[in-house]
């Protein structure tokens, strides 16, 4: 994948809230909020996507900080096979 690629993603607000709380995301990730669909549009770089995807493995990975090991389900969207369905086109 291109290391300079920036993904613009749209997910349910509740899912974004879980990710933001787990990873303590800054507000500059957010591009917008759709009140009618209750979704958040945000951007991540390829390197950020890879970092999130590291938490999307089932094994207990000692390289992942203990606080983030419970993030398996919320980070599945950052795996290469899943991220396309969340991209804003």
PDB file of N, CA and C in Angstrom:
ATOM      1  N   UNK A   1       0.835  -1.185   0.000  1.00  0.00           N
ATOM      2  CA  UNK A   1       0.000   0.000   0.000  1.00  0.00           C
ATOM      3  C   UNK A   1       0.885   1.255   0.000  1.00  0.00           C
ATOM      4  N   UNK A   2       0.352   2.308  -0.528  1.00  0.00           N
ATOM      5  CA  UNK A   2       1.043   3.576  -0.624  1.00  0.00           C
ATOM      6  C   UNK A   2       1.159   4.232   0.760  1.00  0.00           C
ATOM      7  N   UNK A   3       2.381   4.486   1.252  1.00  0.00           N
ATOM      8  CA  UNK A   3       2.528   5.075   2.593  1.00  0.00           C
ATOM      9  C   UNK A   3       1.978   6.500   2.696  1.00  0.00           C
ATOM     10  N   UNK A   4       1.783   7.164   1.573  1.00  0.00           N
ATOM     11  CA  UNK A   4       1.250   8.528   1.579  1.00  0.00           C
ATOM     12  C   UNK A   4      -0.272   8.564   1.454  1.00  0.00           C
ATOM     13  N   UNK A   5      -0.882   7.408   1.293  1.00  0.00           N
ATOM     14  CA  UNK A   5      -2.336   7.359   1.110  1.00  0.00           C
ATOM     15  C   UNK A   5      -3.050   7.851   2.367  1.00  0.00           C
ATOM     16  N   UNK A   6      -4.108   8.607   2.136  1.00  0.00           N
ATOM     17  CA  UNK A   6      -4.966   9.058   3.234  1.00  0.00           C
ATOM     18  C   UNK A   6      -6.353   8.495   2.981  1.00  0.00           C
ATOM     19  N   UNK A   7      -6.875   7.794   3.956  1.00  0.00           N
ATOM     20  CA  UNK A   7      -8.212   7.207   3.870  1.00  0.00           C
ATOM     21  C   UNK A   7      -9.213   8.163   4.486  1.00  0.00           C
ATOM     22  N   UNK A   8     -10.271   8.443   3.768  1.00  0.00           N
ATOM     23  CA  UNK A   8     -11.385   9.221   4.313  1.00  0.00           C
ATOM     24  C   UNK A   8     -12.505   8.214   4.565  1.00  0.00           C
ATOM     25  N   UNK A   9     -12.849   8.026   5.832  1.00  0.00           N
ATOM     26  CA  UNK A   9     -13.758   6.964   6.232  1.00  0.00           C
ATOM     27  C   UNK A   9     -15.022   7.527   6.856  1.00  0.00           C
ATOM     28  N   UNK A  10     -16.107   6.761   6.742  1.00  0.00           N
ATOM     29  CA  UNK A  10     -17.367   7.134   7.385  1.00  0.00           C
ATOM     30  C   UNK A  10     -17.867   5.924   8.166  1.00  0.00           C
ATOM     31  N   UNK A  11     -18.092   6.126   9.471  1.00  0.00           N
ATOM     32  CA  UNK A  11     -18.591   5.057  10.332  1.00  0.00           C
ATOM     33  C   UNK A  11     -19.642   5.626  11.280  1.00  0.00           C
ATOM     34  N   UNK A  12     -20.364   4.733  11.929  1.00  0.00           N
ATOM     35  CA  UNK A  12     -21.356   5.154  12.920  1.00  0.00           C
ATOM     36  C   UNK A  12     -20.671   5.930  14.034  1.00  0.00           C
ATOM     37  N   UNK A  13     -21.346   6.946  14.524  1.00  0.00           N
ATOM     38  CA  UNK A  13     -20.776   7.790  15.578  1.00  0.00           C
ATOM     39  C   UNK A  13     -20.375   6.963  16.796  1.00  0.00           C
ATOM     40  N   UNK A  14     -21.198   5.985  17.158  1.00  0.00           N
ATOM     41  CA  UNK A  14     -20.888   5.177  18.347  1.00  0.00           C
ATOM     42  C   UNK A  14     -19.589   4.387  18.164  1.00  0.00           C
ATOM     43  N   UNK A  15     -19.355   3.883  16.956  1.00  0.00           N
ATOM     44  CA  UNK A  15     -18.105   3.171  16.702  1.00  0.00           C
ATOM     45  C   UNK A  15     -16.923   4.130  16.760  1.00  0.00           C
ATOM     46  N   UNK A  16     -17.089   5.315  16.179  1.00  0.00           N
ATOM     47  CA  UNK A  16     -16.010   6.306  16.242  1.00  0.00           C
ATOM     48  C   UNK A  16     -15.723   6.677  17.689  1.00  0.00           C
ATOM     49  N   UNK A  17     -16.765   6.839  18.505  1.00  0.00           N
ATOM     50  CA  UNK A  17     -16.568   7.173  19.917  1.00  0.00           C
ATOM     51  C   UNK A  17     -15.736   6.111  20.626  1.00  0.00           C
ATOM     52  N   UNK A  18     -16.008   4.847  20.335  1.00  0.00           N
ATOM     53  CA  UNK A  18     -15.237   3.756  20.954  1.00  0.00           C
ATOM     54  C   UNK A  18     -13.769   3.823  20.537  1.00  0.00           C
ATOM     55  N   UNK A  19     -13.532   4.047  19.243  1.00  0.00           N
ATOM     56  CA  UNK A  19     -12.160   4.148  18.748  1.00  0.00           C
ATOM     57  C   UNK A  19     -11.469   5.369  19.352  1.00  0.00           C
ATOM     58  N   UNK A  20     -12.157   6.491  19.360  1.00  0.00           N
ATOM     59  CA  UNK A  20     -11.573   7.726  19.898  1.00  0.00           C
ATOM     60  C   UNK A  20     -11.227   7.575  21.373  1.00  0.00           C
ATOM     61  N   UNK A  21     -12.084   6.920  22.135  1.00  0.00           N
ATOM     62  CA  UNK A  21     -11.815   6.722  23.557  1.00  0.00           C
ATOM     63  C   UNK A  21     -10.659   5.758  23.786  1.00  0.00           C
ATOM     64  N   UNK A  22     -10.622   4.675  23.025  1.00  0.00           N
ATOM     65  CA  UNK A  22      -9.569   3.675  23.197  1.00  0.00           C
ATOM     66  C   UNK A  22      -8.196   4.223  22.827  1.00  0.00           C
ATOM     67  N   UNK A  23      -8.154   5.020  21.779  1.00  0.00           N
ATOM     68  CA  UNK A  23      -6.874   5.501  21.273  1.00  0.00           C
ATOM     69  C   UNK A  23      -6.622   6.972  21.577  1.00  0.00           C
ATOM     70  N   UNK A  24      -7.533   7.599  22.301  1.00  0.00           N
ATOM     71  CA  UNK A  24      -7.403   9.017  22.667  1.00  0.00           C
ATOM     72  C   UNK A  24      -7.101   9.875  21.438  1.00  0.00           C
ATOM     73  N   UNK A  25      -7.978   9.765  20.443  1.00  0.00           N
ATOM     74  CA  UNK A  25      -7.798  10.508  19.196  1.00  0.00           C
ATOM     75  C   UNK A  25      -8.035  11.995  19.401  1.00  0.00           C
ATOM     76  N   UNK A  26      -7.263  12.781  18.700  1.00  0.00           N
ATOM     77  CA  UNK A  26      -7.454  14.235  18.708  1.00  0.00           C
ATOM     78  C   UNK A  26      -8.584  14.601  17.746  1.00  0.00           C
ATOM     79  N   UNK A  27      -9.159  15.763  17.941  1.00  0.00           N
ATOM     80  CA  UNK A  27     -10.271  16.217  17.107  1.00  0.00           C
ATOM     81  C   UNK A  27      -9.885  16.431  15.653  1.00  0.00           C
ATOM     82  N   UNK A  28      -8.597  16.560  15.368  1.00  0.00           N
ATOM     83  CA  UNK A  28      -8.197  16.834  13.985  1.00  0.00           C
ATOM     84  C   UNK A  28      -8.353  15.620  13.063  1.00  0.00           C
ATOM     85  N   UNK A  29      -8.710  14.460  13.585  1.00  0.00           N
ATOM     86  CA  UNK A  29      -9.037  13.311  12.751  1.00  0.00           C
ATOM     87  C   UNK A  29     -10.386  13.512  12.057  1.00  0.00           C
ATOM     88  N   UNK A  30     -11.289  14.232  12.692  1.00  0.00           N
ATOM     89  CA  UNK A  30     -12.676  14.342  12.235  1.00  0.00           C
ATOM     90  C   UNK A  30     -12.796  15.345  11.094  1.00  0.00           C
ATOM     91  N   UNK A  31     -13.485  14.907  10.011  1.00  0.00           N
ATOM     92  CA  UNK A  31     -13.775  15.792   8.892  1.00  0.00           C
ATOM     93  C   UNK A  31     -15.202  16.316   8.939  1.00  0.00           C
ATOM     94  N   UNK A  32     -16.104  15.543   9.557  1.00  0.00           N
ATOM     95  CA  UNK A  32     -17.495  15.970   9.605  1.00  0.00           C
ATOM     96  C   UNK A  32     -18.384  14.984  10.331  1.00  0.00           C
ATOM     97  N   UNK A  33     -19.610  15.425  10.568  1.00  0.00           N
ATOM     98  CA  UNK A  33     -20.611  14.618  11.258  1.00  0.00           C
ATOM     99  C   UNK A  33     -21.933  14.774  10.521  1.00  0.00           C
ATOM    100  N   UNK A  34     -22.573  13.668  10.195  1.00  0.00           N
ATOM    101  CA  UNK A  34     -23.866  13.700   9.526  1.00  0.00           C
ATOM    102  C   UNK A  34     -24.939  13.394  10.564  1.00  0.00           C
ATOM    103  N   UNK A  35     -25.684  14.408  10.947  1.00  0.00           N
ATOM    104  CA  UNK A  35     -26.690  14.264  11.996  1.00  0.00           C
ATOM    105  C   UNK A  35     -27.828  13.342  11.571  1.00  0.00           C
ATOM    106  N   UNK A  36     -28.148  13.317  10.286  1.00  0.00           N
ATOM    107  CA  UNK A  36     -29.247  12.475   9.798  1.00  0.00           C
ATOM    108  C   UNK A  36     -28.889  10.986   9.825  1.00  0.00           C
ATOM    109  N   UNK A  37     -27.650  10.661   9.456  1.00  0.00           N
ATOM    110  CA  UNK A  37     -27.217   9.266   9.449  1.00  0.00           C
ATOM    111  C   UNK A  37     -26.532   8.873  10.756  1.00  0.00           C
ATOM    112  N   UNK A  38     -26.236   9.848  11.621  1.00  0.00           N
ATOM    113  CA  UNK A  38     -25.501   9.640  12.874  1.00  0.00           C
ATOM    114  C   UNK A  38     -24.157   8.961  12.597  1.00  0.00           C
ATOM    115  N   UNK A  39     -23.429   9.533  11.620  1.00  0.00           N
ATOM    116  CA  UNK A  39     -22.120   9.015  11.241  1.00  0.00           C
ATOM    117  C   UNK A  39     -21.061  10.106  11.360  1.00  0.00           C
ATOM    118  N   UNK A  40     -19.827   9.657  11.493  1.00  0.00           N
ATOM    119  CA  UNK A  40     -18.672  10.552  11.556  1.00  0.00           C
ATOM    120  C   UNK A  40     -17.791  10.238  10.356  1.00  0.00           C
ATOM    121  N   UNK A  41     -17.311  11.283   9.689  1.00  0.00           N
ATOM    122  CA  UNK A  41     -16.342  11.143   8.608  1.00  0.00           C
ATOM    123  C   UNK A  41     -15.006  11.599   9.158  1.00  0.00           C
ATOM    124  N   UNK A  42     -13.985  10.774   8.979  1.00  0.00           N
ATOM    125  CA  UNK A  42     -12.662  11.113   9.509  1.00  0.00           C
ATOM    126  C   UNK A  42     -11.582  10.574   8.583  1.00  0.00           C
ATOM    127  N   UNK A  43     -10.369  11.035   8.779  1.00  0.00           N
ATOM    128  CA  UNK A  43      -9.252  10.647   7.915  1.00  0.00           C
ATOM    129  C   UNK A  43      -8.143   9.995   8.728  1.00  0.00           C
ATOM    130  N   UNK A  44      -7.511   8.991   8.120  1.00  0.00           N
ATOM    131  CA  UNK A  44      -6.317   8.368   8.689  1.00  0.00           C
ATOM    132  C   UNK A  44      -5.315   8.134   7.572  1.00  0.00           C
ATOM    133  N   UNK A  45      -4.055   8.212   7.910  1.00  0.00           N
ATOM    134  CA  UNK A  45      -2.998   7.928   6.941  1.00  0.00           C
ATOM    135  C   UNK A  45      -2.775   6.422   6.880  1.00  0.00           C
ATOM    136  N   UNK A  46      -2.020   5.986   5.900  1.00  0.00           N
ATOM    137  CA  UNK A  46      -1.688   4.564   5.781  1.00  0.00           C
ATOM    138  C   UNK A  46      -0.943   4.075   7.025  1.00  0.00           C
ATOM    139  N   UNK A  47      -0.027   4.878   7.533  1.00  0.00           N
ATOM    140  CA  UNK A  47       0.712   4.477   8.733  1.00  0.00           C
ATOM    141  C   UNK A  47      -0.209   4.365   9.948  1.00  0.00           C
ATOM    142  N   UNK A  48      -1.156   5.286  10.088  1.00  0.00           N
ATOM    143  CA  UNK A  48      -2.123   5.206  11.182  1.00  0.00           C
ATOM    144  C   UNK A  48      -3.000   3.965  11.022  1.00  0.00           C
ATOM    145  N   UNK A  49      -3.415   3.672   9.787  1.00  0.00           N
ATOM    146  CA  UNK A  49      -4.223   2.489   9.535  1.00  0.00           C
ATOM    147  C   UNK A  49      -3.472   1.235   9.982  1.00  0.00           C
ATOM    148  N   UNK A  50      -2.195   1.153   9.645  1.00  0.00           N
ATOM    149  CA  UNK A  50      -1.379  -0.001  10.039  1.00  0.00           C
ATOM    150  C   UNK A  50      -1.288  -0.115  11.557  1.00  0.00           C
ATOM    151  N   UNK A  51      -1.130   1.017  12.234  1.00  0.00           N
ATOM    152  CA  UNK A  51      -1.067   0.999  13.703  1.00  0.00           C
ATOM    153  C   UNK A  51      -2.372   0.487  14.306  1.00  0.00           C
ATOM    154  N   UNK A  52      -3.504   0.953  13.786  1.00  0.00           N
ATOM    155  CA  UNK A  52      -4.803   0.476  14.266  1.00  0.00           C
ATOM    156  C   UNK A  52      -4.962  -1.021  13.963  1.00  0.00           C
ATOM    157  N   UNK A  53      -4.534  -1.440  12.783  1.00  0.00           N
ATOM    158  CA  UNK A  53      -4.691  -2.838  12.371  1.00  0.00           C
ATOM    159  C   UNK A  53      -3.888  -3.784  13.253  1.00  0.00           C
ATOM    160  N   UNK A  54      -2.806  -3.311  13.859  1.00  0.00           N
ATOM    161  CA  UNK A  54      -2.016  -4.152  14.767  1.00  0.00           C
ATOM    162  C   UNK A  54      -2.865  -4.639  15.943  1.00  0.00           C
ATOM    163  N   UNK A  55      -3.879  -3.873  16.309  1.00  0.00           N
ATOM    164  CA  UNK A  55      -4.750  -4.246  17.426  1.00  0.00           C
ATOM    165  C   UNK A  55      -5.863  -5.181  16.988  1.00  0.00           C
ATOM    166  N   UNK A  56      -5.954  -5.474  15.709  1.00  0.00           N
ATOM    167  CA  UNK A  56      -7.054  -6.271  15.173  1.00  0.00           C
ATOM    168  C   UNK A  56      -6.683  -7.745  15.014  1.00  0.00           C
ATOM    169  N   UNK A  57      -5.793  -8.208  15.866  1.00  0.00           N
ATOM    170  CA  UNK A  57      -5.431  -9.625  15.832  1.00  0.00           C
ATOM    171  C   UNK A  57      -5.977 -10.297  17.076  1.00  0.00           C
ATOM    172  N   UNK A  58      -6.336 -11.572  16.948  1.00  0.00           N
ATOM    173  CA  UNK A  58      -6.952 -12.285  18.065  1.00  0.00           C
ATOM    174  C   UNK A  58      -5.947 -12.684  19.136  1.00  0.00           C
ATOM    175  N   UNK A  59      -4.712 -12.941  18.759  1.00  0.00           N
ATOM    176  CA  UNK A  59      -3.724 -13.348  19.736  1.00  0.00           C
ATOM    177  C   UNK A  59      -3.399 -12.190  20.672  1.00  0.00           C
ATOM    178  N   UNK A  60      -3.026 -12.535  21.890  1.00  0.00           N
ATOM    179  CA  UNK A  60      -2.612 -11.508  22.841  1.00  0.00           C
ATOM    180  C   UNK A  60      -1.197 -11.087  22.462  1.00  0.00           C
ATOM    181  N   UNK A  61      -1.080  -9.939  21.848  1.00  0.00           N
ATOM    182  CA  UNK A  61       0.189  -9.466  21.329  1.00  0.00           C
ATOM    183  C   UNK A  61       0.888  -8.601  22.379  1.00  0.00           C
ATOM    184  N   UNK A  62       2.003  -9.073  22.933  1.00  0.00           N
ATOM    185  CA  UNK A  62       2.696  -8.280  23.960  1.00  0.00           C
ATOM    186  C   UNK A  62       3.268  -6.962  23.437  1.00  0.00           C
ATOM    187  N   UNK A  63       3.361  -6.819  22.109  1.00  0.00           N
ATOM    188  CA  UNK A  63       3.863  -5.564  21.540  1.00  0.00           C
ATOM    189  C   UNK A  63       2.796  -4.470  21.586  1.00  0.00           C
ATOM    190  N   UNK A  64       1.535  -4.862  21.767  1.00  0.00           N
ATOM    191  CA  UNK A  64       0.433  -3.894  21.856  1.00  0.00           C
ATOM    192  C   UNK A  64       0.238  -3.552  23.332  1.00  0.00           C
ATOM    193  N   UNK A  65       0.207  -2.261  23.675  1.00  0.00           N
ATOM    194  CA  UNK A  65       0.004  -1.892  25.079  1.00  0.00           C
ATOM    195  C   UNK A  65      -1.253  -2.555  25.661  1.00  0.00           C
ATOM    196  N   UNK A  66      -1.174  -2.930  26.928  1.00  0.00           N
ATOM    197  CA  UNK A  66      -2.256  -3.677  27.571  1.00  0.00           C
ATOM    198  C   UNK A  66      -3.611  -2.998  27.420  1.00  0.00           C
ATOM    199  N   UNK A  67      -3.647  -1.676  27.516  1.00  0.00           N
ATOM    200  CA  UNK A  67      -4.899  -0.920  27.400  1.00  0.00           C
ATOM    201  C   UNK A  67      -5.579  -1.158  26.052  1.00  0.00           C
ATOM    202  N   UNK A  68      -4.795  -1.375  25.007  1.00  0.00           N
ATOM    203  CA  UNK A  68      -5.338  -1.491  23.654  1.00  0.00           C
ATOM    204  C   UNK A  68      -5.618  -2.923  23.220  1.00  0.00           C
ATOM    205  N   UNK A  69      -5.317  -3.896  24.039  1.00  0.00           N
ATOM    206  CA  UNK A  69      -5.514  -5.295  23.644  1.00  0.00           C
ATOM    207  C   UNK A  69      -6.984  -5.675  23.526  1.00  0.00           C
ATOM    208  N   UNK A  70      -7.863  -4.933  24.142  1.00  0.00           N
ATOM    209  CA  UNK A  70      -9.302  -5.231  24.069  1.00  0.00           C
ATOM    210  C   UNK A  70      -9.972  -4.536  22.886  1.00  0.00           C
ATOM    211  N   UNK A  71      -9.196  -4.051  21.956  1.00  0.00           N
ATOM    212  CA  UNK A  71      -9.732  -3.285  20.830  1.00  0.00           C
ATOM    213  C   UNK A  71      -9.918  -4.129  19.570  1.00  0.00           C
ATOM    214  N   UNK A  72      -9.877  -5.438  19.714  1.00  0.00           N
ATOM    215  CA  UNK A  72      -9.956  -6.343  18.554  1.00  0.00           C
ATOM    216  C   UNK A  72     -11.142  -6.014  17.645  1.00  0.00           C
ATOM    217  N   UNK A  73     -12.336  -5.935  18.197  1.00  0.00           N
ATOM    218  CA  UNK A  73     -13.539  -5.746  17.366  1.00  0.00           C
ATOM    219  C   UNK A  73     -13.610  -4.369  16.727  1.00  0.00           C
ATOM    220  N   UNK A  74     -13.266  -3.326  17.464  1.00  0.00           N
ATOM    221  CA  UNK A  74     -13.416  -1.979  16.906  1.00  0.00           C
ATOM    222  C   UNK A  74     -12.342  -1.642  15.882  1.00  0.00           C
ATOM    223  N   UNK A  75     -11.270  -2.428  15.837  1.00  0.00           N
ATOM    224  CA  UNK A  75     -10.203  -2.131  14.879  1.00  0.00           C
ATOM    225  C   UNK A  75     -10.248  -3.024  13.636  1.00  0.00           C
ATOM    226  N   UNK A  76     -11.204  -3.929  13.558  1.00  0.00           N
ATOM    227  CA  UNK A  76     -11.331  -4.796  12.382  1.00  0.00           C
ATOM    228  C   UNK A  76     -11.480  -3.988  11.104  1.00  0.00           C
ATOM    229  N   UNK A  77     -12.097  -2.834  11.191  1.00  0.00           N
ATOM    230  CA  UNK A  77     -12.331  -2.006  10.010  1.00  0.00           C
ATOM    231  C   UNK A  77     -11.041  -1.518   9.362  1.00  0.00           C
ATOM    232  N   UNK A  78      -9.923  -1.515  10.096  1.00  0.00           N
ATOM    233  CA  UNK A  78      -8.657  -1.017   9.565  1.00  0.00           C
ATOM    234  C   UNK A  78      -7.828  -2.086   8.856  1.00  0.00           C
ATOM    235  N   UNK A  79      -8.306  -3.321   8.853  1.00  0.00           N
ATOM    236  CA  UNK A  79      -7.603  -4.368   8.112  1.00  0.00           C
ATOM    237  C   UNK A  79      -7.764  -4.117   6.607  1.00  0.00           C
ATOM    238  N   UNK A  80      -6.737  -4.433   5.812  1.00  0.00           N
ATOM    239  CA  UNK A  80      -6.817  -4.173   4.366  1.00  0.00           C
ATOM    240  C   UNK A  80      -8.055  -4.772   3.696  1.00  0.00           C
ATOM    241  N   UNK A  81      -8.489  -5.933   4.164  1.00  0.00           N
ATOM    242  CA  UNK A  81      -9.654  -6.578   3.533  1.00  0.00           C
ATOM    243  C   UNK A  81     -10.973  -5.899   3.887  1.00  0.00           C
ATOM    244  N   UNK A  82     -10.998  -5.058   4.914  1.00  0.00           N
ATOM    245  CA  UNK A  82     -12.240  -4.435   5.368  1.00  0.00           C
ATOM    246  C   UNK A  82     -12.340  -2.935   5.121  1.00  0.00           C
ATOM    247  N   UNK A  83     -11.237  -2.249   5.012  1.00  0.00           N
ATOM    248  CA  UNK A  83     -11.260  -0.779   5.037  1.00  0.00           C
ATOM    249  C   UNK A  83     -12.024  -0.164   3.853  1.00  0.00           C
ATOM    250  N   UNK A  84     -12.029  -0.842   2.707  1.00  0.00           N
ATOM    251  CA  UNK A  84     -12.689  -0.275   1.529  1.00  0.00           C
ATOM    252  C   UNK A  84     -14.178  -0.031   1.733  1.00  0.00           C
ATOM    253  N   UNK A  85     -14.826  -0.852   2.532  1.00  0.00           N
ATOM    254  CA  UNK A  85     -16.276  -0.672   2.732  1.00  0.00           C
ATOM    255  C   UNK A  85     -16.613   0.554   3.567  1.00  0.00           C
ATOM    256  N   UNK A  86     -15.619   1.151   4.219  1.00  0.00           N
ATOM    257  CA  UNK A  86     -15.849   2.353   5.026  1.00  0.00           C
ATOM    258  C   UNK A  86     -15.363   3.631   4.337  1.00  0.00           C
ATOM    259  N   UNK A  87     -14.684   3.483   3.212  1.00  0.00           N
ATOM    260  CA  UNK A  87     -14.146   4.654   2.506  1.00  0.00           C
ATOM    261  C   UNK A  87     -15.250   5.484   1.884  1.00  0.00           C
ATOM    262  N   UNK A  88     -15.099   6.790   1.991  1.00  0.00           N
ATOM    263  CA  UNK A  88     -16.004   7.734   1.341  1.00  0.00           C
ATOM    264  C   UNK A  88     -15.488   7.929  -0.075  1.00  0.00           C
ATOM    265  N   UNK A  89     -16.347   7.741  -1.028  1.00  0.00           N
ATOM    266  CA  UNK A  89     -15.910   7.834  -2.430  1.00  0.00           C
ATOM    267  C   UNK A  89     -16.323   9.148  -3.033  1.00  0.00           C
TER     268      UNK A  89
END
